[in-house]
Each structure stands twice: as structure tokens, then as C-alpha cells.
Amino acid sequence: MTPISVQLYSLREAAARDFRQVLRDVAEIGYDGVEAAGFHDMTPREFRDYTESLGLQISSSHSPWSTPKNLAEVVDTLGILGLSRAAAGFRPDDFKDMDAIKRTAEVVNGMADELAKDGITLFLHNHWWEYEIVDGKLAYDWFAGMCPKVEFEIDTYWAANFGANDPAREVAKLKSRAPLLHIKDGPLEKGKAMVAVGSGKMDIPAVINAADPNVLEWLIVELDACDTDMLEAIRRSEIYIRSLRA
């Protein structure tokens, strides 16, 4: 059974007030792990120690976000957290046309090669703009072919690109290279907030079933924004995902 984590960016407002309480809440809900998005008033070592004291694992981290200029910091921080995967992602202009995609791929391949020297694999997190059409094909399809050494944390909601794509199909395309999935739900409309997983328009069972169970290591709930209470939405999301495997 694939364990369930939560991207702590979802709970950033509460974390800014009392990060330790947020971690306690996540543990109480029943999540198996957390994905870091900043450490607030903790050091990475304090974050790891406190998280593990609550029985939570660190599934992955978006802190620090990898760039060509901070790879030494990335290696050091991941060592403290006990992780061997580094996160990166890019902005809309980095995928706007074929020339931009090629430049982005060159940067990514350079980072991947440098991180590999320390035994670290680079993974990419997407938004909706990677799933726009460029020269007759999705930008991410071009990009994935240019970067054979990287792994993917597919944000399945953004991969749907507001209903333009089938997110399960997009997961299936990269399933051999996707150990992490971001699971979120919502109305699939630009400008509208997400909802608790299982109460929106995403076909969550199809998305999860499209992954390779021999590759997939974590399902990671993330709600970028929510019109209802975020902690309650995070709680309902965990209950729903567990129910799929009951």
C-alpha cells in the first residue's frame, strides 16, 4: 500500500503561526509522511527530529529548491533530512516554445549530473504550463525526452491543465520515472480553489492506478488554496485516499 504524505505548503498559513502544531495535526490525522516546503522556525535537523518523533517520515522536500547556484546547499540539506532526491521546477517562460524547452533541458541535465556525483537524483515538479501544446506536442513530452536521467513528481491536477488533458494518461506516460505523485482535486477551472481530494472533478482512482506500483513510493496530497478550512480539507483528503484501498 503506497504511503500518503502531505505537502506542507498546503498548511503554510497555520505553519507560519505554529509549525510544530501543524506537524502534530498531520500526525494526528494519520498521514504517513510530510513533504517539506520551508522549515519556518526550525533548522532542517530540528525539523527531521521533530517529524520523526511524531512517527512521520519525510517523503521528500521542496526546500531548498534546486538551481544551478545552490546545489551544495541542496546536497547538505538533503543529507540532514535523510533524502536522496532533490526537487526543481520552472516558470511559464521556461516552457513557452521549443527554444525555451531546450534551454531548460540543458539546465536540468547539468544539475542532474552534478547532483549525481553525490548520489542524489533530481526530480521535477510541474504546473499547468508544462502541459501546454508546443509544436504539436505537450511541452513536457518534449522535455522528458531531452532529460532521460531525471525523475518526476507529477502534479496530477496541473497535468490535467484545467480539463485539456487526461491526467491518468499523463501519469501513465511517465510512470517508469514517477516515484512521487501530487494528488489534488478541484473544479478544473482557472482561478478557482482546490477542494478536498475526492470531492472535485478529478478521477483520483484512475490517476493512482495509472502509476507503476513498483516505482511509485508516495502519494502526496497538496491543496494550493482552498475556500473551506484547509486542515479539514487535508483531513478529508487522507480519509478519501485511504478508503480507495480499504
C-alpha atoms as a PDB file:
ATOM      1  CA  MET A   1       0.000   0.000   0.000  1.00  0.00           C
ATOM      2  CA  THR A   2       1.576   3.273  -1.123  1.00  0.00           C
ATOM      3  CA  PRO A   3       2.036   5.590   1.871  1.00  0.00           C
ATOM      4  CA  ILE A   4       0.404   9.026   1.954  1.00  0.00           C
ATOM      5  CA  SER A   5       2.238  12.285   2.596  1.00  0.00           C
ATOM      6  CA  VAL A   6       1.098  15.912   2.637  1.00  0.00           C
ATOM      7  CA  GLN A   7       2.867  18.837   1.013  1.00  0.00           C
ATOM      8  CA  LEU A   8       3.211  21.272   3.895  1.00  0.00           C
ATOM      9  CA  TYR A   9       2.812  24.245   1.567  1.00  0.00           C
ATOM     10  CA  SER A  10      -0.892  23.446   1.865  1.00  0.00           C
ATOM     11  CA  LEU A  11      -0.744  24.393   5.546  1.00  0.00           C
ATOM     12  CA  ARG A  12       1.663  27.325   5.181  1.00  0.00           C
ATOM     13  CA  GLU A  13      -0.561  29.890   6.889  1.00  0.00           C
ATOM     14  CA  ALA A  14      -1.003  27.784  10.014  1.00  0.00           C
ATOM     15  CA  ALA A  15       2.668  26.764   9.894  1.00  0.00           C
ATOM     16  CA  ALA A  16       3.726  30.406   9.997  1.00  0.00           C
ATOM     17  CA  ARG A  17       1.891  30.698  13.314  1.00  0.00           C
ATOM     18  CA  ASP A  18       2.820  27.366  14.933  1.00  0.00           C
ATOM     19  CA  PHE A  19       4.744  24.902  12.776  1.00  0.00           C
ATOM     20  CA  ARG A  20       5.017  22.266  15.485  1.00  0.00           C
ATOM     21  CA  GLN A  21       1.259  22.252  15.946  1.00  0.00           C
ATOM     22  CA  VAL A  22       0.787  21.737  12.209  1.00  0.00           C
ATOM     23  CA  LEU A  23       3.079  18.726  12.310  1.00  0.00           C
ATOM     24  CA  ARG A  24       1.190  17.345  15.297  1.00  0.00           C
ATOM     25  CA  ASP A  25      -2.099  17.844  13.444  1.00  0.00           C
ATOM     26  CA  VAL A  26      -0.795  15.994  10.383  1.00  0.00           C
ATOM     27  CA  ALA A  27       0.349  13.098  12.542  1.00  0.00           C
ATOM     28  CA  GLU A  28      -2.983  13.002  14.376  1.00  0.00           C
ATOM     29  CA  ILE A  29      -4.888  12.826  11.083  1.00  0.00           C
ATOM     30  CA  GLY A  30      -2.952   9.710  10.173  1.00  0.00           C
ATOM     31  CA  TYR A  31      -0.618  10.765   7.382  1.00  0.00           C
ATOM     32  CA  ASP A  32       2.459   8.609   6.935  1.00  0.00           C
ATOM     33  CA  GLY A  33       4.751  11.451   5.960  1.00  0.00           C
ATOM     34  CA  VAL A  34       5.286  15.076   5.070  1.00  0.00           C
ATOM     35  CA  GLU A  35       6.875  16.904   2.168  1.00  0.00           C
ATOM     36  CA  ALA A  36       8.754  19.974   3.355  1.00  0.00           C
ATOM     37  CA  ALA A  37       8.128  23.428   1.929  1.00  0.00           C
ATOM     38  CA  GLY A  38      10.322  25.577   4.143  1.00  0.00           C
ATOM     39  CA  PHE A  39      11.288  24.959   7.751  1.00  0.00           C
ATOM     40  CA  HIS A  40       9.804  28.070   9.379  1.00  0.00           C
ATOM     41  CA  ASP A  41      11.357  28.485  12.848  1.00  0.00           C
ATOM     42  CA  MET A  42      13.203  25.155  12.709  1.00  0.00           C
ATOM     43  CA  THR A  43      16.535  24.117  11.298  1.00  0.00           C
ATOM     44  CA  PRO A  44      16.465  21.132   8.923  1.00  0.00           C
ATOM     45  CA  ARG A  45      17.860  18.975  11.743  1.00  0.00           C
ATOM     46  CA  GLU A  46      15.165  20.143  14.181  1.00  0.00           C
ATOM     47  CA  PHE A  47      12.520  19.541  11.525  1.00  0.00           C
ATOM     48  CA  ARG A  48      13.674  15.991  10.935  1.00  0.00           C
ATOM     49  CA  ASP A  49      13.968  15.170  14.627  1.00  0.00           C
ATOM     50  CA  TYR A  50      10.543  16.583  15.492  1.00  0.00           C
ATOM     51  CA  THR A  51       8.855  14.990  12.486  1.00  0.00           C
ATOM     52  CA  GLU A  52      10.294  11.583  13.276  1.00  0.00           C
ATOM     53  CA  SER A  53       9.355  11.942  16.956  1.00  0.00           C
ATOM     54  CA  LEU A  54       5.735  12.132  15.805  1.00  0.00           C
ATOM     55  CA  GLY A  55       6.056   8.919  13.802  1.00  0.00           C
ATOM     56  CA  LEU A  56       6.114  10.751  10.471  1.00  0.00           C
ATOM     57  CA  GLN A  57       8.556  10.151   7.635  1.00  0.00           C
ATOM     58  CA  ILE A  58       9.936  12.869   5.382  1.00  0.00           C
ATOM     59  CA  SER A  59       8.765  11.714   1.980  1.00  0.00           C
ATOM     60  CA  SER A  60      10.553  14.443   0.070  1.00  0.00           C
ATOM     61  CA  SER A  61      11.378  18.136   0.248  1.00  0.00           C
ATOM     62  CA  HIS A  62      10.871  21.253  -1.840  1.00  0.00           C
ATOM     63  CA  SER A  63      13.411  23.033   0.349  1.00  0.00           C
ATOM     64  CA  PRO A  64      15.783  24.079  -0.913  1.00  0.00           C
ATOM     65  CA  TRP A  65      14.522  24.296  -4.483  1.00  0.00           C
ATOM     66  CA  SER A  66      17.387  23.232  -6.751  1.00  0.00           C
ATOM     67  CA  THR A  67      19.044  25.784  -9.004  1.00  0.00           C
ATOM     68  CA  PRO A  68      22.473  25.683 -10.665  1.00  0.00           C
ATOM     69  CA  LYS A  69      23.751  28.081  -7.979  1.00  0.00           C
ATOM     70  CA  ASN A  70      22.681  26.303  -4.775  1.00  0.00           C
ATOM     71  CA  LEU A  71      23.497  22.645  -5.327  1.00  0.00           C
ATOM     72  CA  ALA A  72      25.976  22.494  -2.430  1.00  0.00           C
ATOM     73  CA  GLU A  73      23.207  23.679  -0.080  1.00  0.00           C
ATOM     74  CA  VAL A  74      20.821  21.152  -1.608  1.00  0.00           C
ATOM     75  CA  VAL A  75      23.241  18.295  -1.005  1.00  0.00           C
ATOM     76  CA  ASP A  76      23.900  19.376   2.578  1.00  0.00           C
ATOM     77  CA  THR A  77      20.228  19.818   3.456  1.00  0.00           C
ATOM     78  CA  LEU A  78      19.137  16.532   1.911  1.00  0.00           C
ATOM     79  CA  GLY A  79      21.884  14.792   3.857  1.00  0.00           C
ATOM     80  CA  ILE A  80      20.449  16.190   7.079  1.00  0.00           C
ATOM     81  CA  LEU A  81      16.915  15.171   6.079  1.00  0.00           C
ATOM     82  CA  GLY A  82      17.988  11.683   5.039  1.00  0.00           C
ATOM     83  CA  LEU A  83      16.812  12.106   1.459  1.00  0.00           C
ATOM     84  CA  SER A  84      18.381  11.236  -1.873  1.00  0.00           C
ATOM     85  CA  ARG A  85      16.075  13.174  -4.213  1.00  0.00           C
ATOM     86  CA  ALA A  86      16.258  16.896  -4.939  1.00  0.00           C
ATOM     87  CA  ALA A  87      13.337  18.958  -6.233  1.00  0.00           C
ATOM     88  CA  ALA A  88      13.257  21.514  -9.024  1.00  0.00           C
ATOM     89  CA  GLY A  89      10.698  23.253 -11.190  1.00  0.00           C
ATOM     90  CA  PHE A  90      10.381  26.092 -13.641  1.00  0.00           C
ATOM     91  CA  ARG A  91       8.280  29.070 -14.692  1.00  0.00           C
ATOM     92  CA  PRO A  92       5.982  29.520 -17.717  1.00  0.00           C
ATOM     93  CA  ASP A  93       8.643  31.243 -19.835  1.00  0.00           C
ATOM     94  CA  ASP A  94      10.880  28.183 -19.431  1.00  0.00           C
ATOM     95  CA  PHE A  95       8.401  26.104 -21.469  1.00  0.00           C
ATOM     96  CA  LYS A  96       6.868  28.718 -23.766  1.00  0.00           C
ATOM     97  CA  ASP A  97       8.438  27.447 -27.003  1.00  0.00           C
ATOM     98  CA  MET A  98      10.893  24.861 -28.271  1.00  0.00           C
ATOM     99  CA  ASP A  99      13.942  27.053 -27.758  1.00  0.00           C
ATOM    100  CA  ALA A 100      12.934  27.637 -24.150  1.00  0.00           C
ATOM    101  CA  ILE A 101      12.345  23.928 -23.586  1.00  0.00           C
ATOM    102  CA  LYS A 102      15.793  23.119 -24.950  1.00  0.00           C
ATOM    103  CA  ARG A 103      17.414  25.721 -22.676  1.00  0.00           C
ATOM    104  CA  THR A 104      15.531  24.371 -19.667  1.00  0.00           C
ATOM    105  CA  ALA A 105      16.545  20.805 -20.505  1.00  0.00           C
ATOM    106  CA  GLU A 106      20.179  21.861 -20.705  1.00  0.00           C
ATOM    107  CA  VAL A 107      19.988  23.429 -17.247  1.00  0.00           C
ATOM    108  CA  VAL A 108      18.217  20.384 -15.818  1.00  0.00           C
ATOM    109  CA  ASN A 109      20.708  17.928 -17.286  1.00  0.00           C
ATOM    110  CA  GLY A 110      23.583  19.949 -15.863  1.00  0.00           C
ATOM    111  CA  MET A 111      22.044  19.927 -12.389  1.00  0.00           C
ATOM    112  CA  ALA A 112      21.236  16.226 -12.605  1.00  0.00           C
ATOM    113  CA  ASP A 113      24.835  15.411 -13.498  1.00  0.00           C
ATOM    114  CA  GLU A 114      26.205  17.499 -10.617  1.00  0.00           C
ATOM    115  CA  LEU A 115      23.808  16.051  -8.049  1.00  0.00           C
ATOM    116  CA  ALA A 116      24.535  12.520  -9.223  1.00  0.00           C
ATOM    117  CA  LYS A 117      28.131  12.959  -8.048  1.00  0.00           C
ATOM    118  CA  ASP A 118      26.721  12.979  -4.507  1.00  0.00           C
ATOM    119  CA  GLY A 119      24.282  10.139  -5.099  1.00  0.00           C
ATOM    120  CA  ILE A 120      21.260  12.425  -5.478  1.00  0.00           C
ATOM    121  CA  THR A 121      18.584  12.127  -8.153  1.00  0.00           C
ATOM    122  CA  LEU A 122      16.834  15.234  -9.447  1.00  0.00           C
ATOM    123  CA  PHE A 123      13.052  15.225  -9.726  1.00  0.00           C
ATOM    124  CA  LEU A 124      10.855  17.777 -11.446  1.00  0.00           C
ATOM    125  CA  HIS A 125       7.553  19.158 -10.215  1.00  0.00           C
ATOM    126  CA  ASN A 126       5.197  20.580 -12.825  1.00  0.00           C
ATOM    127  CA  HIS A 127       2.464  23.165 -13.068  1.00  0.00           C
ATOM    128  CA  TRP A 128      -0.088  23.571 -15.847  1.00  0.00           C
ATOM    129  CA  TRP A 129       2.205  25.367 -18.313  1.00  0.00           C
ATOM    130  CA  GLU A 130       4.349  22.282 -18.895  1.00  0.00           C
ATOM    131  CA  TYR A 131       1.175  20.666 -20.234  1.00  0.00           C
ATOM    132  CA  GLU A 132       0.500  23.179 -22.992  1.00  0.00           C
ATOM    133  CA  ILE A 133       0.976  22.258 -26.651  1.00  0.00           C
ATOM    134  CA  VAL A 134       4.264  23.325 -28.252  1.00  0.00           C
ATOM    135  CA  ASP A 135       4.970  22.412 -31.877  1.00  0.00           C
ATOM    136  CA  GLY A 136       2.222  19.804 -31.953  1.00  0.00           C
ATOM    137  CA  LYS A 137       3.086  18.024 -28.696  1.00  0.00           C
ATOM    138  CA  LEU A 138       2.850  18.707 -24.988  1.00  0.00           C
ATOM    139  CA  ALA A 139       5.847  20.702 -23.784  1.00  0.00           C
ATOM    140  CA  TYR A 140       6.526  18.107 -21.077  1.00  0.00           C
ATOM    141  CA  ASP A 141       6.676  15.312 -23.637  1.00  0.00           C
ATOM    142  CA  TRP A 142       9.451  17.125 -25.485  1.00  0.00           C
ATOM    143  CA  PHE A 143      11.200  17.912 -22.209  1.00  0.00           C
ATOM    144  CA  ALA A 144      11.052  14.385 -20.780  1.00  0.00           C
ATOM    145  CA  GLY A 145      12.723  13.024 -23.898  1.00  0.00           C
ATOM    146  CA  MET A 146      15.519  15.561 -23.550  1.00  0.00           C
ATOM    147  CA  CYS A 147      16.173  14.757 -19.873  1.00  0.00           C
ATOM    148  CA  PRO A 148      16.404  10.963 -19.584  1.00  0.00           C
ATOM    149  CA  LYS A 149      18.173  10.999 -16.200  1.00  0.00           C
ATOM    150  CA  VAL A 150      15.582  12.905 -14.181  1.00  0.00           C
ATOM    151  CA  GLU A 151      12.561  11.626 -12.294  1.00  0.00           C
ATOM    152  CA  PHE A 152       9.167  13.263 -11.973  1.00  0.00           C
ATOM    153  CA  GLU A 153       6.825  14.271  -9.214  1.00  0.00           C
ATOM    154  CA  ILE A 154       3.758  14.618 -11.380  1.00  0.00           C
ATOM    155  CA  ASP A 155       1.292  17.170 -10.093  1.00  0.00           C
ATOM    156  CA  THR A 156      -1.738  15.353 -11.414  1.00  0.00           C
ATOM    157  CA  TYR A 157      -4.148  18.294 -11.111  1.00  0.00           C
ATOM    158  CA  TRP A 158      -1.933  20.624 -13.106  1.00  0.00           C
ATOM    159  CA  ALA A 159      -1.251  17.830 -15.613  1.00  0.00           C
ATOM    160  CA  ALA A 160      -4.968  17.916 -16.411  1.00  0.00           C
ATOM    161  CA  ASN A 161      -4.455  21.558 -17.471  1.00  0.00           C
ATOM    162  CA  PHE A 162      -7.991  22.529 -16.495  1.00  0.00           C
ATOM    163  CA  GLY A 163      -9.547  19.638 -18.398  1.00  0.00           C
ATOM    164  CA  ALA A 164      -7.473  19.846 -21.582  1.00  0.00           C
ATOM    165  CA  ASN A 165      -5.617  16.605 -20.792  1.00  0.00           C
ATOM    166  CA  ASP A 166      -6.394  13.238 -19.244  1.00  0.00           C
ATOM    167  CA  PRO A 167      -4.182  13.224 -16.118  1.00  0.00           C
ATOM    168  CA  ALA A 168      -4.232   9.425 -15.849  1.00  0.00           C
ATOM    169  CA  ARG A 169      -2.816   9.200 -19.357  1.00  0.00           C
ATOM    170  CA  GLU A 170      -0.118  11.713 -18.442  1.00  0.00           C
ATOM    171  CA  VAL A 171       0.839   9.674 -15.381  1.00  0.00           C
ATOM    172  CA  ALA A 172       0.986   6.527 -17.482  1.00  0.00           C
ATOM    173  CA  LYS A 173       3.392   8.182 -19.937  1.00  0.00           C
ATOM    174  CA  LEU A 174       5.988   8.795 -17.217  1.00  0.00           C
ATOM    175  CA  LYS A 175       5.147   6.004 -14.801  1.00  0.00           C
ATOM    176  CA  SER A 176       8.586   4.393 -15.054  1.00  0.00           C
ATOM    177  CA  ARG A 177      10.116   7.680 -13.851  1.00  0.00           C
ATOM    178  CA  ALA A 178       7.480   8.899 -11.380  1.00  0.00           C
ATOM    179  CA  PRO A 179       8.148   7.786  -7.787  1.00  0.00           C
ATOM    180  CA  LEU A 180       6.069  10.686  -6.427  1.00  0.00           C
ATOM    181  CA  LEU A 181       2.580  11.904  -7.325  1.00  0.00           C
ATOM    182  CA  HIS A 182       0.937  15.091  -6.143  1.00  0.00           C
ATOM    183  CA  ILE A 183      -2.706  14.283  -5.548  1.00  0.00           C
ATOM    184  CA  LYS A 184      -5.124  17.190  -5.523  1.00  0.00           C
ATOM    185  CA  ASP A 185      -8.675  17.847  -6.605  1.00  0.00           C
ATOM    186  CA  GLY A 186     -10.801  20.753  -7.685  1.00  0.00           C
ATOM    187  CA  PRO A 187     -13.152  22.202 -10.284  1.00  0.00           C
ATOM    188  CA  LEU A 188     -10.563  22.210 -13.098  1.00  0.00           C
ATOM    189  CA  GLU A 189     -11.243  25.887 -13.689  1.00  0.00           C
ATOM    190  CA  LYS A 190      -8.631  28.632 -13.726  1.00  0.00           C
ATOM    191  CA  GLY A 191      -8.847  30.962 -10.778  1.00  0.00           C
ATOM    192  CA  LYS A 192     -10.889  28.605  -8.617  1.00  0.00           C
ATOM    193  CA  ALA A 193      -9.545  26.990  -5.463  1.00  0.00           C
ATOM    194  CA  MET A 194      -8.947  23.301  -4.884  1.00  0.00           C
ATOM    195  CA  VAL A 195     -11.201  21.105  -2.778  1.00  0.00           C
ATOM    196  CA  ALA A 196     -10.652  18.071  -0.573  1.00  0.00           C
ATOM    197  CA  VAL A 197      -9.436  15.121  -2.610  1.00  0.00           C
ATOM    198  CA  GLY A 198     -12.413  13.070  -3.745  1.00  0.00           C
ATOM    199  CA  SER A 199     -14.886  15.956  -3.886  1.00  0.00           C
ATOM    200  CA  GLY A 200     -13.823  17.607  -7.145  1.00  0.00           C
ATOM    201  CA  LYS A 201     -13.727  16.672 -10.818  1.00  0.00           C
ATOM    202  CA  MET A 202     -10.532  14.609 -10.834  1.00  0.00           C
ATOM    203  CA  ASP A 203     -10.819  10.852 -11.366  1.00  0.00           C
ATOM    204  CA  ILE A 204      -8.480  10.073  -8.492  1.00  0.00           C
ATOM    205  CA  PRO A 205      -8.688   6.246  -8.698  1.00  0.00           C
ATOM    206  CA  ALA A 206      -7.763   6.345 -12.406  1.00  0.00           C
ATOM    207  CA  VAL A 207      -4.839   8.672 -11.712  1.00  0.00           C
ATOM    208  CA  ILE A 208      -3.427   6.468  -8.973  1.00  0.00           C
ATOM    209  CA  ASN A 209      -3.998   3.263 -10.917  1.00  0.00           C
ATOM    210  CA  ALA A 210      -2.081   4.706 -13.875  1.00  0.00           C
ATOM    211  CA  ALA A 211       1.142   4.753 -11.847  1.00  0.00           C
ATOM    212  CA  ASP A 212       3.584   1.858 -11.741  1.00  0.00           C
ATOM    213  CA  PRO A 213       3.211   0.276  -8.276  1.00  0.00           C
ATOM    214  CA  ASN A 214       6.803  -0.915  -8.486  1.00  0.00           C
ATOM    215  CA  VAL A 215       8.032   2.656  -8.965  1.00  0.00           C
ATOM    216  CA  LEU A 216       5.535   4.775  -7.046  1.00  0.00           C
ATOM    217  CA  GLU A 217       6.740   5.443  -3.500  1.00  0.00           C
ATOM    218  CA  TRP A 218       4.482   8.229  -2.213  1.00  0.00           C
ATOM    219  CA  LEU A 219       1.082   9.791  -2.826  1.00  0.00           C
ATOM    220  CA  ILE A 220       1.416  13.397  -1.706  1.00  0.00           C
ATOM    221  CA  VAL A 221      -1.697  15.479  -1.022  1.00  0.00           C
ATOM    222  CA  GLU A 222      -1.384  19.147  -1.920  1.00  0.00           C
ATOM    223  CA  LEU A 223      -4.062  21.820  -1.980  1.00  0.00           C
ATOM    224  CA  ASP A 224      -2.576  25.124  -3.103  1.00  0.00           C
ATOM    225  CA  ALA A 225      -5.639  27.030  -1.937  1.00  0.00           C
ATOM    226  CA  CYS A 226      -8.999  26.063  -0.507  1.00  0.00           C
ATOM    227  CA  ASP A 227     -12.179  28.050   0.182  1.00  0.00           C
ATOM    228  CA  THR A 228     -13.001  25.860   3.193  1.00  0.00           C
ATOM    229  CA  ASP A 229     -10.867  25.168   6.262  1.00  0.00           C
ATOM    230  CA  MET A 230      -7.560  23.850   4.949  1.00  0.00           C
ATOM    231  CA  LEU A 231      -6.843  21.445   7.796  1.00  0.00           C
ATOM    232  CA  GLU A 232     -10.286  19.883   7.448  1.00  0.00           C
ATOM    233  CA  ALA A 233      -9.760  19.529   3.683  1.00  0.00           C
ATOM    234  CA  ILE A 234      -6.409  17.854   4.337  1.00  0.00           C
ATOM    235  CA  ARG A 235      -8.128  15.516   6.814  1.00  0.00           C
ATOM    236  CA  ARG A 236     -10.896  14.619   4.360  1.00  0.00           C
ATOM    237  CA  SER A 237      -8.340  14.038   1.617  1.00  0.00           C
ATOM    238  CA  GLU A 238      -6.463  11.496   3.710  1.00  0.00           C
ATOM    239  CA  ILE A 239      -9.674   9.662   4.621  1.00  0.00           C
ATOM    240  CA  TYR A 240     -10.725   9.503   0.974  1.00  0.00           C
ATOM    241  CA  ILE A 241      -7.418   8.154  -0.323  1.00  0.00           C
ATOM    242  CA  ARG A 242      -7.325   5.518   2.423  1.00  0.00           C
ATOM    243  CA  SER A 243     -10.878   4.500   1.503  1.00  0.00           C
ATOM    244  CA  LEU A 244      -9.775   3.664  -2.037  1.00  0.00           C
ATOM    245  CA  ARG A 245      -7.642   0.866  -0.656  1.00  0.00           C
ATOM    246  CA  ALA A 246      -9.915  -0.380   2.102  1.00  0.00           C
END
